[in-house]
Protein backbone atom coordinates (compact mmCIF):
# COMPACT_ATOMS: atom_id res chain seq x y z
CA MET A 1 107.50 117.77 109.91
CA SER A 2 104.82 116.90 107.40
CA ILE A 3 103.03 117.89 104.25
CA LEU A 4 99.38 118.58 105.03
CA THR A 5 97.08 117.73 102.13
CA ALA A 6 93.50 118.99 102.46
CA VAL A 7 90.97 117.11 100.33
CA GLU A 8 87.33 116.94 99.43
CA ASN A 9 85.66 113.63 98.61
CA GLU A 10 85.77 114.13 94.83
CA ASP A 11 87.73 112.56 92.00
CA SER A 12 89.47 115.89 91.42
CA ALA A 13 91.11 115.47 94.85
CA LYS A 14 93.31 112.70 93.43
CA ALA A 15 95.54 115.34 91.81
CA VAL A 16 95.83 117.15 95.15
CA VAL A 17 96.77 113.92 96.97
CA SER A 18 99.28 113.06 94.26
CA THR A 19 100.94 116.49 94.46
CA GLY A 20 101.13 116.25 98.25
CA HIS A 21 102.61 112.75 98.00
CA GLU A 22 105.25 113.86 95.49
CA LEU A 23 106.23 116.80 97.71
CA ALA A 24 106.38 114.64 100.87
CA THR A 25 108.47 112.01 99.08
CA ALA A 26 110.87 114.61 97.67
CA LEU A 27 111.34 116.21 101.09
CA GLY A 28 111.42 112.90 103.00
CA VAL A 29 108.59 113.87 105.35
CA GLU A 30 105.24 112.40 106.31
CA GLN A 31 102.12 113.24 104.32
CA VAL A 32 99.00 113.90 106.39
CA ILE A 33 95.63 113.93 104.62
CA VAL A 34 92.87 116.00 106.24
CA HIS A 35 89.20 116.00 105.26
CA ILE A 36 86.60 118.22 106.93
CA ALA A 37 83.06 116.81 106.99
CA SER A 38 79.70 117.57 108.50
CA SER A 39 78.83 115.66 111.67
CA ALA A 40 75.79 114.38 109.78
CA THR A 41 78.11 112.31 107.58
CA ASN A 42 78.81 108.69 108.51
CA SER A 43 82.46 108.92 109.55
CA ASP A 44 83.31 105.27 108.79
CA ARG A 45 81.92 105.53 105.26
CA ARG A 46 83.67 108.88 104.81
CA ARG A 47 87.02 107.40 105.94
CA ASP A 48 86.58 104.44 103.58
CA ALA A 49 85.85 106.81 100.67
CA ILE A 50 88.88 108.99 101.43
CA GLU A 51 91.13 105.92 101.82
CA GLU A 52 89.96 104.64 98.43
CA LEU A 53 90.58 108.04 96.85
CA VAL A 54 94.12 108.11 98.33
CA ARG A 55 94.86 104.55 97.13
CA GLU A 56 93.80 105.48 93.60
CA ALA A 57 95.91 108.64 93.69
CA ILE A 58 99.19 107.23 95.00
CA GLY A 59 98.89 103.43 94.68
CA GLY A 60 100.44 100.94 97.04
CA ASP A 61 99.19 99.43 100.25
CA GLU A 62 100.80 101.84 102.71
CA LEU A 63 98.62 104.91 103.16
CA PRO A 64 99.62 108.24 104.67
CA ARG A 65 97.95 109.29 107.91
CA ILE A 66 94.36 110.34 107.26
CA GLU A 67 92.52 112.71 109.61
CA ILE A 68 88.77 113.11 109.28
CA ARG A 69 87.56 116.19 111.11
CA THR A 70 83.89 116.85 111.76
CA GLU A 71 82.17 120.03 112.73
CA PRO A 72 78.62 120.09 114.08
CA SER A 73 76.14 121.56 111.63
CA ILE A 74 78.93 122.72 109.35
CA TRP A 75 76.56 123.32 106.44
CA ASP A 76 73.75 124.85 108.47
CA ARG A 77 75.58 127.87 109.87
CA ASP A 78 76.88 130.90 108.06
CA ARG A 79 80.44 131.13 106.69
CA PRO A 80 81.36 127.43 106.57
CA SER A 81 84.35 128.27 104.34
CA ALA A 82 85.98 130.27 107.12
CA ARG A 83 85.54 127.40 109.60
CA ILE A 84 86.87 124.80 107.15
CA ALA A 85 89.89 127.00 106.38
CA ALA A 86 90.49 127.45 110.13
CA GLU A 87 90.38 123.66 110.64
CA ILE A 88 92.96 123.22 107.86
CA THR A 89 95.31 125.90 109.20
CA ASP A 90 94.96 124.54 112.77
CA GLU A 91 95.79 121.03 111.56
CA ALA A 92 98.80 122.40 109.65
CA ALA A 93 100.09 123.98 112.86
CA ASN A 94 99.37 120.82 114.90
CA THR A 95 101.26 118.57 112.48
CA ASP A 96 104.19 120.98 112.09
CA ALA A 97 103.47 121.13 108.36
CA LYS A 98 106.21 122.35 106.06
CA TYR A 99 103.64 122.93 103.26
CA VAL A 100 99.87 122.84 102.85
CA VAL A 101 98.58 121.35 99.60
CA ILE A 102 94.99 122.21 98.64
CA GLY A 103 92.90 122.17 95.49
CA SER A 104 91.16 125.04 93.76
CA ARG A 105 88.78 124.74 90.84
CA LYS A 106 89.78 126.06 87.44
CA HIS A 107 88.87 129.64 86.71
CA SER A 108 88.45 131.70 83.56
CA PRO A 109 91.45 133.83 82.53
CA ALA A 110 89.83 136.86 84.16
CA GLY A 111 89.03 134.89 87.31
CA LYS A 112 92.52 133.49 87.91
CA ALA A 113 93.24 136.28 90.38
CA ILE A 114 90.50 134.90 92.61
CA LEU A 115 90.99 131.43 94.10
CA GLY A 116 88.35 129.20 95.61
CA ASN A 117 87.05 130.62 98.86
CA ILE A 118 88.61 127.98 101.15
CA ALA A 119 91.94 127.94 99.30
CA GLN A 120 92.08 131.72 99.41
CA LEU A 121 91.38 131.82 103.16
CA VAL A 122 94.02 129.16 103.88
CA LEU A 123 96.53 131.11 101.81
CA ILE A 124 95.77 134.31 103.72
CA ASP A 125 95.48 132.79 107.21
CA THR A 126 98.70 130.77 107.44
CA SER A 127 102.38 131.60 107.37
CA ILE A 128 103.09 128.11 106.04
CA PRO A 129 103.73 127.93 102.26
CA VAL A 130 100.63 126.79 100.37
CA VAL A 131 100.72 124.75 97.16
CA ILE A 132 97.51 125.08 95.16
CA GLU A 133 96.67 122.31 92.71
CA GLU A 134 94.21 123.47 90.07
CA THR A 135 91.37 120.94 89.76
CA ASP A 136 88.43 120.54 87.37
C-alpha cells in the first residue's frame, strides 16, 4: 500500500508533497512521488529538481520513492492532460495506492466547481480516493 503523490516541478508542489507525506505517515504506508515529464527534458536534472523540492517540503535525508515518467512528445500532441492523468492513475494502480494526492490551482468562487484539467480527470478516472491540495 502507498500514497501516490503526483507533482509538477513548481514551488507550489511542496504543499502537495507535504500533504502526501502527512497522510502516508498517519497511515503508516509508503509515499510514492510521481512526476510526468516530456522526453525532451533531461531526466537526471529533472530528478535532481524533484528531489530538492521533496527535501524542502518534508525535510530529512530519507526521501520517499520518486518515479519520473516520460512520454515522447508529450507537449506536441493533442490532449496531453488526458495522457498525464492516465499515467497518474496507472501508477496509482501499480503501486496499490490507498490515496492519490494531487494539486489544483486556486479558482475564483464561481470557478471552484471546476478543478484543474489533470486533477479533474484523475478524480473521474480512478476509484481510488483523491486528495486535492489547492495550490497558488
